[in-house]
Amino acid sequence: MDSKLSLDKTASVALNYEAVLADLEAIEPLISIFPKLESLTKLGPNAFEWKLKPIGAMGVSHAVHYAATYEVDKANGRLNFHAKEGIGNANLSGCFQFKQNGAKVDIEIEIKGLLRDIKVPMLLKAATPGFIKTMFEGLVDRFIEKLEEKYGK
């Protein structure tokens, strides 16, 4: 089964903004803390292949595998990524946006795309898109927690 994903998440966290920007420019140190990351392979300048450990429950399981190219806009605290076709079982694009807001950093994360070949029992097909979105929201929430652990003041 294939499922579209559209996720927008915001948070305000006490982070060292300059440290975040330094790793944003390098890309890999920032994205390598994403939860459930099994491997992150550099494919070339600003291009990475992701393999996540399986996510799911109740008979639904998916090990997301995709590649993306990245564009850094350090001046605006933004990291855009665009799906790289032909690699894995997903096409994901989006952005990570970091904005200084007093003592905190506002974080906006947007992920959109398509997950392919999800193994789903027949009875759960109708509920799968919502379930997948909930599972990804959990990963993004954990990513924000890991940002706070790594860059927190």
Protein backbone atom coordinates (compact mmCIF):
# COMPACT_ATOMS: atom_id res chain seq x y z
CA MET A 1 0.00 0.00 0.00
CA ASP A 2 1.16 3.57 -0.71
CA SER A 3 0.37 6.50 1.55
CA LYS A 4 0.82 10.25 1.21
CA LEU A 5 2.39 12.11 4.11
CA SER A 6 1.90 15.78 4.95
CA LEU A 7 3.27 16.96 8.26
CA ASP A 8 3.78 20.43 9.72
CA LYS A 9 5.20 20.78 13.22
CA THR A 10 6.24 23.81 15.26
CA ALA A 11 7.96 24.15 18.61
CA SER A 12 9.77 26.77 20.66
CA VAL A 13 12.85 25.43 22.44
CA ALA A 14 15.79 26.89 24.37
CA LEU A 15 18.68 26.11 21.99
CA ASN A 16 22.10 27.55 21.26
CA TYR A 17 21.15 29.14 17.94
CA GLU A 18 24.75 29.62 16.74
CA ALA A 19 25.55 25.92 17.32
CA VAL A 20 22.41 24.93 15.40
CA LEU A 21 23.41 27.20 12.50
CA ALA A 22 26.93 25.76 12.41
CA ASP A 23 25.56 22.22 12.11
CA LEU A 24 22.83 23.37 9.71
CA GLU A 25 25.55 24.50 7.33
CA ALA A 26 27.33 21.13 7.64
CA ILE A 27 23.94 19.31 7.29
CA GLU A 28 25.01 15.82 8.47
CA PRO A 29 25.53 16.63 12.19
CA LEU A 30 22.00 18.03 12.33
CA ILE A 31 20.08 15.35 10.42
CA SER A 32 22.07 12.45 11.88
CA ILE A 33 20.22 12.78 15.22
CA PHE A 34 16.84 11.97 13.63
CA PRO A 35 15.22 9.14 15.63
CA LYS A 36 15.13 5.57 14.31
CA LEU A 37 17.93 6.38 11.88
CA GLU A 38 19.61 3.12 10.92
CA SER A 39 22.03 4.59 8.39
CA LEU A 40 22.78 7.89 6.73
CA THR A 41 24.95 7.68 3.61
CA LYS A 42 26.45 10.68 1.85
CA LEU A 43 25.73 10.37 -1.88
CA GLY A 44 27.52 13.54 -2.94
CA PRO A 45 27.62 17.22 -2.10
CA ASN A 46 24.48 17.99 -0.08
CA ALA A 47 22.83 14.63 -0.88
CA PHE A 48 22.10 11.85 1.61
CA GLU A 49 20.40 8.47 1.59
CA TRP A 50 18.36 7.68 4.70
CA LYS A 51 17.38 4.28 6.03
CA LEU A 52 15.15 4.28 9.09
CA LYS A 53 14.46 1.34 11.37
CA PRO A 54 10.91 0.01 10.95
CA ILE A 55 8.16 2.11 12.47
CA GLY A 56 4.70 0.84 13.20
CA ALA A 57 2.44 -1.18 15.45
CA MET A 58 -0.69 -3.32 15.25
CA GLY A 59 0.42 -5.15 12.12
CA VAL A 60 1.51 -2.02 10.22
CA SER A 61 5.24 -1.71 9.67
CA HIS A 62 7.40 0.37 7.35
CA ALA A 63 11.17 0.85 7.17
CA VAL A 64 11.41 4.20 5.39
CA HIS A 65 14.25 4.40 2.85
CA TYR A 66 14.78 7.49 0.70
CA ALA A 67 17.31 9.99 -0.54
CA ALA A 68 17.22 13.76 -0.73
CA THR A 69 19.31 16.71 -1.81
CA TYR A 70 19.68 19.61 0.60
CA GLU A 71 19.85 23.38 0.19
CA VAL A 72 21.23 25.41 3.10
CA ASP A 73 20.06 28.96 3.69
CA LYS A 74 22.17 29.76 6.74
CA ALA A 75 21.23 33.46 6.73
CA ASN A 76 17.59 32.49 7.30
CA GLY A 77 18.22 29.37 9.43
CA ARG A 78 16.61 27.11 6.83
CA LEU A 79 17.44 23.67 5.46
CA ASN A 80 15.31 22.60 2.49
CA PHE A 81 15.35 19.07 1.17
CA HIS A 82 14.03 17.61 -2.06
CA ALA A 83 13.36 13.96 -2.84
CA LYS A 84 15.91 12.23 -5.02
CA GLU A 85 14.00 9.91 -7.34
CA GLY A 86 14.74 6.23 -7.75
CA ILE A 87 16.16 5.44 -4.30
CA GLY A 88 14.22 3.51 -1.69
CA ASN A 89 10.53 3.23 -0.91
CA ALA A 90 9.71 6.87 -0.20
CA ASN A 91 9.92 10.33 -1.75
CA LEU A 92 10.12 12.94 0.98
CA SER A 93 10.71 16.68 0.70
CA GLY A 94 10.37 19.56 3.11
CA CYS A 95 12.30 21.92 5.35
CA PHE A 96 13.69 22.55 8.79
CA GLN A 97 13.40 26.21 9.81
CA PHE A 98 15.11 27.70 12.87
CA LYS A 99 14.40 31.29 14.02
CA GLN A 100 15.90 33.04 17.02
CA ASN A 101 13.09 34.25 19.31
CA GLY A 102 14.60 35.82 22.41
CA ALA A 103 16.06 33.10 24.62
CA LYS A 104 14.39 30.41 22.53
CA VAL A 105 14.52 29.13 18.99
CA ASP A 106 11.31 28.61 17.05
CA ILE A 107 11.47 25.40 15.01
CA GLU A 108 9.23 24.68 12.05
CA ILE A 109 9.42 21.28 10.37
CA GLU A 110 7.56 20.42 7.21
CA ILE A 111 7.66 16.98 5.57
CA LYS A 112 5.62 16.01 2.54
CA GLY A 113 5.77 13.07 0.21
CA LEU A 114 4.83 9.51 -0.56
CA LEU A 115 5.62 6.29 1.29
CA ARG A 116 5.44 3.21 -0.94
CA ASP A 117 4.99 -0.49 -0.33
CA ILE A 118 3.73 -0.29 3.25
CA LYS A 119 2.82 -3.70 4.61
CA VAL A 120 -0.72 -3.41 5.96
CA PRO A 121 -3.32 -6.02 6.95
CA MET A 122 -6.45 -5.66 4.77
CA LEU A 123 -8.63 -4.56 7.71
CA LEU A 124 -6.34 -1.64 8.54
CA LYS A 125 -5.93 -0.12 5.06
CA ALA A 126 -8.43 2.71 5.65
CA ALA A 127 -6.75 3.75 8.92
CA THR A 128 -3.17 3.54 7.62
CA PRO A 129 -2.64 7.14 6.36
CA GLY A 130 -3.65 8.61 9.72
CA PHE A 131 -1.63 6.00 11.57
CA ILE A 132 1.48 6.69 9.48
CA LYS A 133 1.12 10.44 10.06
CA THR A 134 0.82 9.85 13.81
CA MET A 135 3.95 7.67 13.79
CA PHE A 136 5.91 10.36 11.87
CA GLU A 137 4.67 13.07 14.22
CA GLY A 138 6.10 10.99 17.06
CA LEU A 139 9.46 10.79 15.27
CA VAL A 140 9.48 14.55 14.68
CA ASP A 141 8.56 15.21 18.33
CA ARG A 142 11.47 12.98 19.38
CA PHE A 143 13.75 14.79 16.90
CA ILE A 144 12.87 18.10 18.57
CA GLU A 145 13.68 16.54 21.97
CA LYS A 146 17.03 15.35 20.59
CA LEU A 147 17.73 18.86 19.28
CA GLU A 148 17.17 20.15 22.80
CA GLU A 149 19.46 17.44 24.22
CA LYS A 150 22.25 18.30 21.76
CA TYR A 151 21.92 22.09 21.48
CA GLY A 152 20.06 23.03 24.68
CA LYS A 153 21.30 25.89 26.79
